[in-house]
Amino acid sequence: MSTQQHFETVIVGAGQAGLAAGYHLKKQGRQFLILDANERVGDSWRNRWDSLRLFTPAKYDGLPGMRFPAPRWSFPTKDEMGDYLEAYATRFGLPVRTGVRVDRISREGDRYVVEAGEHRFEADNVIVASGAHRAPKIPAFASELDPRIVQLHSSEYRNLGQLPQDRVLVVGLGNSGAEIAFELSSTHAVTLAGKEAGEIPVRHGSVPARFTLPIVRFIGHRVLTMRTPIGRKVGPTFASHATPLIRVKTKDLTAAGVERVARVAGVRDGLPLLEDGRVLDVANVVWCTGFRHDLSWIDLPVFGEDGQPLHDRGVARSMPGLYFMGLLFQYAATSDVLPGVGRDAEHIAKHLARFGATTRRTEPGDAHGLTPRELEVVRLVADGKSNREIAAALAISENTVARHVQNVLGKLHVPSRTAAAAFAFQHDLV
């Protein structure tokens, strides 16, 4: 039996991007719902391989309003990250509906329609926060391998017990490939195909790394952005390239006995064929070949010729009320990772408050108990003016402005200037 509901905003995805967006909408007093395909919030992390730890220390792993509960320079496990996201949603009372996989987003009239199996949600705004990657990327020739060869994508790999005790070919020398190959080398003969994209110059987690990481983060967060000339020139290319090896380096792989070979080019007689013409006799293949950006379920004219969304810092250009979160280089090199999602979420929430559609309008002339002067103040607050600027515009003292702002917050029952601005836009006070 099908069901239909209407919400002001629907967020697709309850990972770090979707929860950060929900946090900021909650602060504004917006009506919204977060949909996630997993059974529990945080399962997108829990369902990765068992030994995975984050590459960034806990001090950088928190979302807006809640630090990560671990020593600052420790590296959380993937389960700890999943539990943190679940606790985050609970702490801030974010309305998440799990076990709901979105199949299609379309538009009917002035509203978006989000379809998930038998469920149908109508929304004035939609934030797509399902992540920068969604579908495993495996070369087409993989289907030509001998069916007796066990094949797993890195998204399916959990631990070394999944693979028979025979030679394993790991394809792809990014961080996932290096870590999985290193782990498998303790019990299997491992061959690793591919070329690394460099390595960070310091040992991961070391004291020198503690000094280096803030510099790297500053460059990725503040320099390589769409606001800087160098960011616009090299940022998208930089973000789409493979990440240098961080924790497991090539010397670690050599010491563990991992054999390095050329890239896999195809299949010959049911076995992997390398670029140099060698054929490998292996019993297992783990494809650490990344993911492709699959947004084919969005049935809206918002994509360019390359299949990527046309947007300005996550705001869809041709579809008012449609937003994206967690895209590669959405605004900066950090946009698709934990240190960057909070800033992008705040930007989108502010844009939605100012320009997004709302279902909660009041009748014209309803001032919600505000005096004419308080109305003037709240309109200037909504315009982003400081107390000093408001005082100059209205020819009153800053103390008087501060008193009016406090009166506005009390009458509108909101906790902050940001929330007051959102209220003003929602209720046609500006």
Protein backbone atom coordinates (compact mmCIF):
# COMPACT_ATOMS: atom_id res chain seq x y z
CA MET A 1 0.00 0.00 0.00
CA SER A 2 1.49 3.32 -1.08
CA THR A 3 1.82 6.29 1.24
CA GLN A 4 2.28 9.99 0.52
CA GLN A 5 3.50 12.77 2.79
CA HIS A 6 4.57 16.37 2.36
CA PHE A 7 7.56 18.08 3.93
CA GLU A 8 9.11 21.47 3.47
CA THR A 9 12.52 19.83 2.85
CA VAL A 10 13.57 16.24 2.25
CA ILE A 11 17.24 15.31 2.72
CA VAL A 12 18.38 12.18 0.92
CA GLY A 13 21.14 10.48 2.92
CA ALA A 14 21.87 10.34 6.66
CA GLY A 15 25.65 10.26 6.42
CA GLN A 16 27.81 13.10 7.67
CA ALA A 17 26.67 15.46 4.90
CA GLY A 18 22.95 14.88 5.41
CA LEU A 19 23.17 15.09 9.20
CA ALA A 20 25.18 18.32 9.05
CA ALA A 21 22.54 19.81 6.76
CA GLY A 22 19.83 18.62 9.15
CA TYR A 23 21.62 20.21 12.10
CA HIS A 24 21.56 23.63 10.47
CA LEU A 25 17.94 23.30 9.32
CA LYS A 26 16.98 22.29 12.86
CA LYS A 27 18.66 25.42 14.23
CA GLN A 28 16.52 27.47 11.86
CA GLY A 29 13.33 25.78 13.01
CA ARG A 30 12.66 24.29 9.57
CA GLN A 31 10.40 21.35 8.87
CA PHE A 32 12.33 18.52 7.21
CA LEU A 33 12.84 14.77 6.96
CA ILE A 34 16.03 12.79 6.35
CA LEU A 35 15.75 9.53 4.39
CA ASP A 36 18.43 6.83 4.46
CA ALA A 37 18.62 3.40 2.86
CA ASN A 38 20.52 1.81 5.75
CA GLU A 39 18.83 0.17 8.72
CA ARG A 40 20.71 2.35 11.22
CA VAL A 41 22.24 5.79 11.06
CA GLY A 42 25.97 5.26 10.62
CA ASP A 43 25.74 1.96 8.76
CA SER A 44 27.43 3.52 5.74
CA TRP A 45 30.57 3.41 7.93
CA ARG A 46 29.85 0.19 9.83
CA ASN A 47 29.48 -1.73 6.58
CA ARG A 48 33.06 -1.13 5.50
CA TRP A 49 35.96 -3.52 6.10
CA ASP A 50 36.45 -4.56 9.72
CA SER A 51 39.90 -3.09 10.41
CA LEU A 52 39.29 0.31 8.83
CA ARG A 53 40.26 3.37 10.83
CA LEU A 54 39.76 6.96 9.76
CA PHE A 55 42.75 8.74 8.26
CA THR A 56 41.95 12.03 10.01
CA PRO A 57 42.38 12.36 13.78
CA ALA A 58 39.34 12.72 16.03
CA LYS A 59 39.85 16.48 16.45
CA TYR A 60 38.80 16.90 12.79
CA ASP A 61 36.10 14.22 12.70
CA GLY A 62 33.27 15.97 14.52
CA LEU A 63 30.23 17.60 12.92
CA PRO A 64 28.81 21.06 13.78
CA GLY A 65 27.79 21.33 17.42
CA MET A 66 29.33 18.08 18.70
CA ARG A 67 32.99 17.12 18.95
CA PHE A 68 34.07 13.54 18.35
CA PRO A 69 34.28 11.79 21.76
CA ALA A 70 37.83 10.47 21.54
CA PRO A 71 41.38 11.70 22.25
CA ARG A 72 42.16 14.49 19.81
CA TRP A 73 44.99 12.73 18.00
CA SER A 74 43.51 9.23 17.96
CA PHE A 75 42.12 7.65 14.80
CA PRO A 76 38.56 6.34 15.29
CA THR A 77 37.46 2.97 13.95
CA LYS A 78 34.76 2.82 11.32
CA ASP A 79 32.31 1.48 13.94
CA GLU A 80 33.10 4.37 16.28
CA MET A 81 32.38 6.76 13.42
CA GLY A 82 29.07 5.03 12.73
CA ASP A 83 28.09 5.18 16.40
CA TYR A 84 29.05 8.86 16.53
CA LEU A 85 26.72 9.68 13.63
CA GLU A 86 23.89 7.76 15.29
CA ALA A 87 24.49 9.61 18.58
CA TYR A 88 24.63 12.93 16.70
CA ALA A 89 21.21 12.37 15.13
CA THR A 90 19.79 11.43 18.54
CA ARG A 91 21.34 14.35 20.42
CA PHE A 92 19.91 16.97 18.09
CA GLY A 93 16.60 15.18 17.50
CA LEU A 94 17.09 14.97 13.76
CA PRO A 95 14.10 13.33 12.03
CA VAL A 96 15.71 10.38 10.24
CA ARG A 97 13.71 7.62 8.61
CA THR A 98 15.95 4.60 7.96
CA GLY A 99 15.40 1.64 5.65
CA VAL A 100 14.10 3.94 2.91
CA ARG A 101 16.02 3.77 -0.37
CA VAL A 102 15.16 6.62 -2.71
CA ASP A 103 14.50 5.40 -6.26
CA ARG A 104 13.62 8.63 -8.02
CA ILE A 105 13.43 12.39 -7.61
CA SER A 106 11.22 14.28 -10.05
CA ARG A 107 9.11 17.42 -10.13
CA GLU A 108 5.37 17.90 -10.44
CA GLY A 109 4.16 21.47 -10.69
CA ASP A 110 5.86 23.56 -8.01
CA ARG A 111 6.92 20.62 -5.83
CA TYR A 112 9.51 17.88 -5.87
CA VAL A 113 8.47 14.25 -5.64
CA VAL A 114 10.76 11.79 -3.87
CA GLU A 115 9.85 8.16 -4.53
CA ALA A 116 11.10 5.26 -2.42
CA GLY A 117 9.40 1.96 -3.18
CA GLU A 118 5.77 2.34 -2.16
CA HIS A 119 6.47 5.62 -0.39
CA ARG A 120 6.04 9.00 -2.01
CA PHE A 121 7.21 12.24 -0.40
CA GLU A 122 6.39 15.69 -1.72
CA ALA A 123 8.76 18.51 -0.84
CA ASP A 124 9.32 22.17 -1.58
CA ASN A 125 13.09 21.62 -1.31
CA VAL A 126 15.35 18.58 -1.67
CA ILE A 127 18.93 18.22 -0.48
CA VAL A 128 20.74 15.32 -2.15
CA ALA A 129 23.33 14.26 0.44
CA SER A 130 23.91 10.68 -0.63
CA GLY A 131 27.60 11.33 -1.08
CA ALA A 132 30.11 11.97 -3.79
CA HIS A 133 30.22 8.27 -4.72
CA ARG A 134 27.47 5.72 -4.78
CA ALA A 135 28.12 2.80 -7.14
CA PRO A 136 31.21 0.53 -7.18
CA LYS A 137 33.37 0.99 -10.28
CA ILE A 138 34.55 -2.32 -11.75
CA PRO A 139 35.95 -2.72 -15.29
CA ALA A 140 33.64 -4.39 -17.76
CA PHE A 141 36.15 -7.14 -18.52
CA ALA A 142 35.80 -8.45 -14.95
CA SER A 143 32.84 -10.51 -16.14
CA GLU A 144 35.22 -12.44 -18.45
CA LEU A 145 37.27 -13.82 -15.56
CA ASP A 146 37.00 -17.53 -14.80
CA PRO A 147 33.89 -18.00 -12.61
CA ARG A 148 36.01 -19.99 -10.14
CA ILE A 149 37.91 -16.79 -9.26
CA VAL A 150 36.38 -15.10 -6.21
CA GLN A 151 35.78 -11.43 -6.97
CA LEU A 152 35.00 -8.72 -4.43
CA HIS A 153 34.84 -4.97 -4.70
CA SER A 154 36.42 -3.12 -1.77
CA SER A 155 32.91 -2.12 -0.68
CA GLU A 156 32.12 -5.84 -0.22
CA TYR A 157 35.40 -6.77 1.49
CA ARG A 158 35.14 -7.23 5.27
CA ASN A 159 38.08 -9.39 6.36
CA LEU A 160 40.63 -11.90 5.10
CA GLY A 161 38.40 -14.82 6.04
CA GLN A 162 36.23 -14.16 2.98
CA LEU A 163 38.92 -15.36 0.56
CA PRO A 164 40.27 -18.88 -0.03
CA GLN A 165 43.87 -19.51 1.04
CA ASP A 166 45.32 -18.91 -2.43
CA ARG A 167 46.93 -15.99 -4.22
CA VAL A 168 45.01 -12.74 -4.17
CA LEU A 169 45.23 -10.00 -6.79
CA VAL A 170 44.37 -6.57 -5.39
CA VAL A 171 43.65 -4.12 -8.21
CA GLY A 172 44.22 -0.45 -7.48
CA LEU A 173 46.92 1.21 -5.40
CA GLY A 174 45.01 3.89 -3.59
CA ASN A 175 44.67 3.89 0.18
CA SER A 176 42.00 1.19 0.18
CA GLY A 177 44.08 -1.06 -2.05
CA ALA A 178 47.22 -0.54 0.03
CA GLU A 179 45.47 -1.23 3.34
CA ILE A 180 43.58 -4.30 2.12
CA ALA A 181 46.68 -5.75 0.43
CA PHE A 182 48.72 -5.19 3.57
CA GLU A 183 46.08 -6.89 5.73
CA LEU A 184 45.74 -9.87 3.37
CA SER A 185 49.51 -10.37 3.26
CA SER A 186 49.42 -11.81 6.78
CA THR A 187 47.62 -14.94 5.53
CA HIS A 188 47.72 -14.87 1.71
CA ALA A 189 50.19 -14.47 -1.12
CA VAL A 190 49.26 -11.03 -2.46
CA THR A 191 49.89 -9.33 -5.79
CA LEU A 192 49.07 -5.64 -6.03
CA ALA A 193 48.42 -4.09 -9.44
CA GLY A 194 48.58 -0.37 -10.15
CA LYS A 195 50.67 2.70 -9.57
CA GLU A 196 50.49 4.86 -6.47
CA ALA A 197 49.76 8.60 -6.65
CA GLY A 198 52.60 9.47 -4.30
CA GLU A 199 52.80 9.29 -0.52
CA ILE A 200 52.55 11.79 2.30
CA PRO A 201 56.12 12.61 3.38
CA VAL A 202 55.68 11.85 7.09
CA ARG A 203 54.65 8.77 9.06
CA HIS A 204 50.92 8.75 9.70
CA GLY A 205 50.08 9.63 13.29
CA SER A 206 53.62 10.78 14.11
CA VAL A 207 54.54 14.05 15.79
CA PRO A 208 55.71 15.57 12.47
CA ALA A 209 52.33 14.57 10.98
CA ARG A 210 50.58 16.57 13.70
CA PHE A 211 52.37 19.68 12.46
CA THR A 212 51.88 18.86 8.78
CA LEU A 213 48.16 17.99 8.87
CA PRO A 214 46.90 21.48 9.84
CA ILE A 215 48.82 22.93 6.91
CA VAL A 216 47.35 20.38 4.50
CA ARG A 217 43.88 20.99 5.92
CA PHE A 218 44.28 24.76 5.58
CA ILE A 219 45.28 24.42 1.93
CA GLY A 220 42.40 22.07 1.15
CA HIS A 221 39.86 24.04 3.17
CA ARG A 222 40.88 27.66 2.56
CA VAL A 223 43.17 27.85 -0.47
CA LEU A 224 41.82 25.25 -2.90
CA THR A 225 38.30 26.68 -3.09
CA MET A 226 36.07 28.11 -5.78
CA ARG A 227 36.75 31.58 -4.38
CA THR A 228 40.47 31.60 -5.18
CA PRO A 229 42.08 31.71 -8.65
CA ILE A 230 44.37 28.78 -7.84
CA GLY A 231 41.43 26.81 -6.46
CA ARG A 232 39.35 27.34 -9.59
CA LYS A 233 42.32 26.37 -11.75
CA VAL A 234 43.68 23.26 -10.04
CA GLY A 235 41.12 22.37 -7.39
CA PRO A 236 38.71 20.16 -9.37
CA THR A 237 41.63 18.29 -10.96
CA PHE A 238 43.36 17.95 -7.60
CA ALA A 239 40.20 16.64 -5.91
CA SER A 240 39.45 14.06 -8.60
CA HIS A 241 42.94 12.53 -8.58
CA ALA A 242 43.83 9.59 -6.37
CA THR A 243 44.85 10.51 -2.83
CA PRO A 244 48.51 9.93 -1.93
CA LEU A 245 49.14 6.94 0.30
CA ILE A 246 48.60 7.98 3.91
CA ARG A 247 49.03 5.14 6.39
CA VAL A 248 50.36 2.09 4.52
CA LYS A 249 53.25 3.09 2.26
CA THR A 250 55.06 1.23 -0.51
CA LYS A 251 57.92 0.28 1.85
CA ASP A 252 55.37 -1.32 4.19
CA LEU A 253 53.98 -3.35 1.31
CA THR A 254 57.45 -4.46 0.26
CA ALA A 255 58.33 -5.48 3.81
CA ALA A 256 55.11 -7.52 4.01
CA GLY A 257 56.04 -9.46 0.87
CA VAL A 258 53.39 -7.93 -1.39
CA GLU A 259 54.34 -8.34 -5.07
CA ARG A 260 53.94 -5.16 -7.14
CA VAL A 261 52.90 -5.49 -10.80
CA ALA A 262 51.67 -3.32 -13.67
CA ARG A 263 48.08 -2.28 -14.19
CA VAL A 264 45.44 -4.84 -15.17
CA ALA A 265 44.53 -4.32 -18.81
CA GLY A 266 42.08 -7.12 -19.53
CA VAL A 267 41.50 -10.88 -19.46
CA ARG A 268 43.20 -13.75 -21.31
CA ASP A 269 41.94 -17.32 -21.01
CA GLY A 270 39.87 -16.35 -17.97
CA LEU A 271 42.83 -14.88 -16.07
CA PRO A 272 43.87 -11.24 -15.42
CA LEU A 273 46.09 -9.76 -18.14
CA LEU A 274 48.57 -7.02 -17.22
CA GLU A 275 49.68 -4.09 -19.36
CA ASP A 276 53.12 -5.67 -19.74
CA GLY A 277 51.59 -8.85 -21.21
CA ARG A 278 51.86 -11.03 -18.10
CA VAL A 279 48.94 -13.28 -17.19
CA LEU A 280 48.35 -13.89 -13.47
CA ASP A 281 47.15 -17.21 -12.12
CA VAL A 282 45.14 -16.12 -9.07
CA ALA A 283 42.20 -17.48 -7.09
CA ASN A 284 40.89 -14.16 -5.79
CA VAL A 285 40.54 -10.59 -7.06
CA VAL A 286 39.72 -7.61 -4.89
CA TRP A 287 38.78 -4.58 -6.97
CA CYS A 288 39.96 -1.44 -5.14
CA THR A 289 39.01 0.65 -8.15
CA GLY A 290 36.85 3.26 -6.50
CA PHE A 291 33.31 4.34 -7.16
CA ARG A 292 31.43 6.12 -9.88
CA HIS A 293 29.12 9.04 -9.33
CA ASP A 294 25.66 7.63 -10.04
CA LEU A 295 22.82 10.15 -9.91
CA SER A 296 20.73 8.56 -12.66
CA TRP A 297 17.85 8.27 -10.17
CA ILE A 298 17.44 12.05 -10.25
CA ASP A 299 14.96 12.64 -13.07
CA LEU A 300 15.57 16.37 -13.43
CA PRO A 301 17.37 18.54 -16.03
CA VAL A 302 20.25 19.50 -13.74
CA PHE A 303 23.21 17.72 -15.35
CA GLY A 304 25.89 18.84 -17.76
CA GLU A 305 27.28 16.91 -20.71
CA ASP A 306 29.66 15.10 -18.38
CA GLY A 307 26.75 13.82 -16.29
CA GLN A 308 27.69 15.92 -13.28
CA PRO A 309 25.24 18.29 -11.54
CA LEU A 310 25.34 21.91 -12.66
CA HIS A 311 25.51 23.84 -9.42
CA ASP A 312 27.03 26.78 -7.59
CA ARG A 313 28.41 25.62 -4.27
CA GLY A 314 25.75 22.91 -4.07
CA VAL A 315 22.85 25.08 -5.26
CA ALA A 316 21.36 23.65 -8.47
CA ARG A 317 21.40 26.29 -11.20
CA SER A 318 18.24 25.42 -13.07
CA MET A 319 16.01 23.96 -10.34
CA PRO A 320 15.18 26.30 -7.42
CA GLY A 321 14.95 24.41 -4.16
CA LEU A 322 17.28 21.58 -5.22
CA TYR A 323 20.63 21.27 -3.43
CA PHE A 324 23.59 18.90 -3.36
CA MET A 325 25.93 17.98 -0.50
CA GLY A 326 29.19 16.06 -0.38
CA LEU A 327 30.14 16.42 -4.04
CA LEU A 328 33.79 16.30 -5.10
CA PHE A 329 35.07 19.88 -4.94
CA GLN A 330 31.57 21.20 -4.31
CA TYR A 331 33.26 24.30 -2.94
CA ALA A 332 36.69 23.16 -1.76
CA ALA A 333 39.01 20.18 -1.84
CA THR A 334 37.56 19.19 1.56
CA SER A 335 33.90 19.28 0.48
CA ASP A 336 33.46 15.51 0.27
CA VAL A 337 35.23 14.64 3.54
CA LEU A 338 34.46 15.16 7.22
CA PRO A 339 36.43 18.40 7.73
CA GLY A 340 34.51 20.15 4.95
CA VAL A 341 30.86 19.08 5.12
CA GLY A 342 29.89 21.34 8.02
CA ARG A 343 30.78 24.55 6.22
CA ASP A 344 28.97 23.50 3.04
CA ALA A 345 25.91 22.46 5.05
CA GLU A 346 25.74 25.85 6.75
CA HIS A 347 25.95 27.63 3.39
CA ILE A 348 23.14 25.54 1.91
CA ALA A 349 20.93 25.99 4.97
CA LYS A 350 21.37 29.77 4.80
CA HIS A 351 20.58 29.77 1.10
CA LEU A 352 17.50 27.64 1.69
CA ALA A 353 16.35 30.00 4.45
CA ARG A 354 16.70 32.99 2.16
CA PHE A 355 15.57 31.61 -1.20
CA GLY A 356 14.11 28.14 -0.68
CA ALA A 357 10.40 27.48 -0.84
CA THR A 358 8.49 27.18 2.43
CA THR A 359 5.13 25.74 3.37
CA ARG A 360 4.73 27.83 6.50
CA ARG A 361 3.60 31.27 5.40
CA THR A 362 1.57 33.68 7.46
CA GLU A 363 -1.06 36.11 6.35
CA PRO A 364 0.23 39.48 5.14
CA GLY A 365 0.35 42.03 7.93
CA ASP A 366 0.92 39.49 10.69
CA ALA A 367 3.89 40.97 12.56
CA HIS A 368 3.98 38.30 15.30
CA GLY A 369 3.76 40.92 18.02
CA LEU A 370 6.75 42.92 16.80
CA THR A 371 6.67 46.71 16.95
CA PRO A 372 7.40 48.67 13.74
CA ARG A 373 10.93 49.39 14.99
CA GLU A 374 11.50 45.71 15.82
CA LEU A 375 10.32 44.81 12.33
CA GLU A 376 12.92 47.16 10.91
CA VAL A 377 15.57 45.56 13.09
CA VAL A 378 14.67 41.96 12.19
CA ARG A 379 14.69 42.84 8.49
CA LEU A 380 18.20 44.24 8.80
CA VAL A 381 19.27 41.20 10.83
CA ALA A 382 17.92 39.00 8.05
CA ASP A 383 19.98 41.05 5.61
CA GLY A 384 23.11 40.08 7.54
CA LYS A 385 23.72 43.48 9.14
CA SER A 386 25.69 43.78 12.36
CA ASN A 387 24.44 45.78 15.36
CA ARG A 388 26.74 48.62 14.39
CA GLU A 389 25.40 48.69 10.83
CA ILE A 390 21.80 48.53 12.08
CA ALA A 391 22.47 51.39 14.50
CA ALA A 392 23.85 53.54 11.68
CA ALA A 393 20.96 52.70 9.36
CA LEU A 394 18.28 53.53 11.96
CA ALA A 395 20.17 56.37 13.67
CA ILE A 396 19.95 54.72 17.10
CA SER A 397 22.59 53.48 19.54
CA GLU A 398 24.08 49.98 19.46
CA ASN A 399 22.71 49.37 22.97
CA THR A 400 19.22 50.14 21.69
CA VAL A 401 19.76 47.77 18.77
CA ALA A 402 20.89 45.04 21.16
CA ARG A 403 17.74 45.56 23.26
CA HIS A 404 15.52 45.35 20.16
CA VAL A 405 17.28 42.16 19.04
CA GLN A 406 16.64 40.55 22.43
CA ASN A 407 12.98 41.56 22.22
CA VAL A 408 12.75 40.05 18.73
CA LEU A 409 14.25 36.75 19.88
CA GLY A 410 11.83 36.57 22.78
CA LYS A 411 8.71 37.38 20.75
CA LEU A 412 9.60 35.02 17.93
CA HIS A 413 10.67 32.27 20.37
CA VAL A 414 13.96 31.68 18.55
CA PRO A 415 17.42 31.19 20.11
CA SER A 416 19.67 33.24 17.84
CA ARG A 417 20.01 35.94 15.18
CA THR A 418 20.38 33.23 12.54
CA ALA A 419 17.13 31.64 13.63
CA ALA A 420 15.43 35.06 13.68
CA ALA A 421 16.58 35.68 10.11
CA ALA A 422 15.25 32.28 9.04
CA PHE A 423 11.93 33.02 10.78
CA ALA A 424 11.69 36.36 8.99
CA PHE A 425 12.13 34.75 5.57
CA GLN A 426 9.75 31.90 6.38
CA HIS A 427 6.98 34.24 7.50
CA ASP A 428 7.31 36.98 4.88
CA LEU A 429 8.62 39.60 7.30
CA VAL A 430 11.22 40.72 4.77
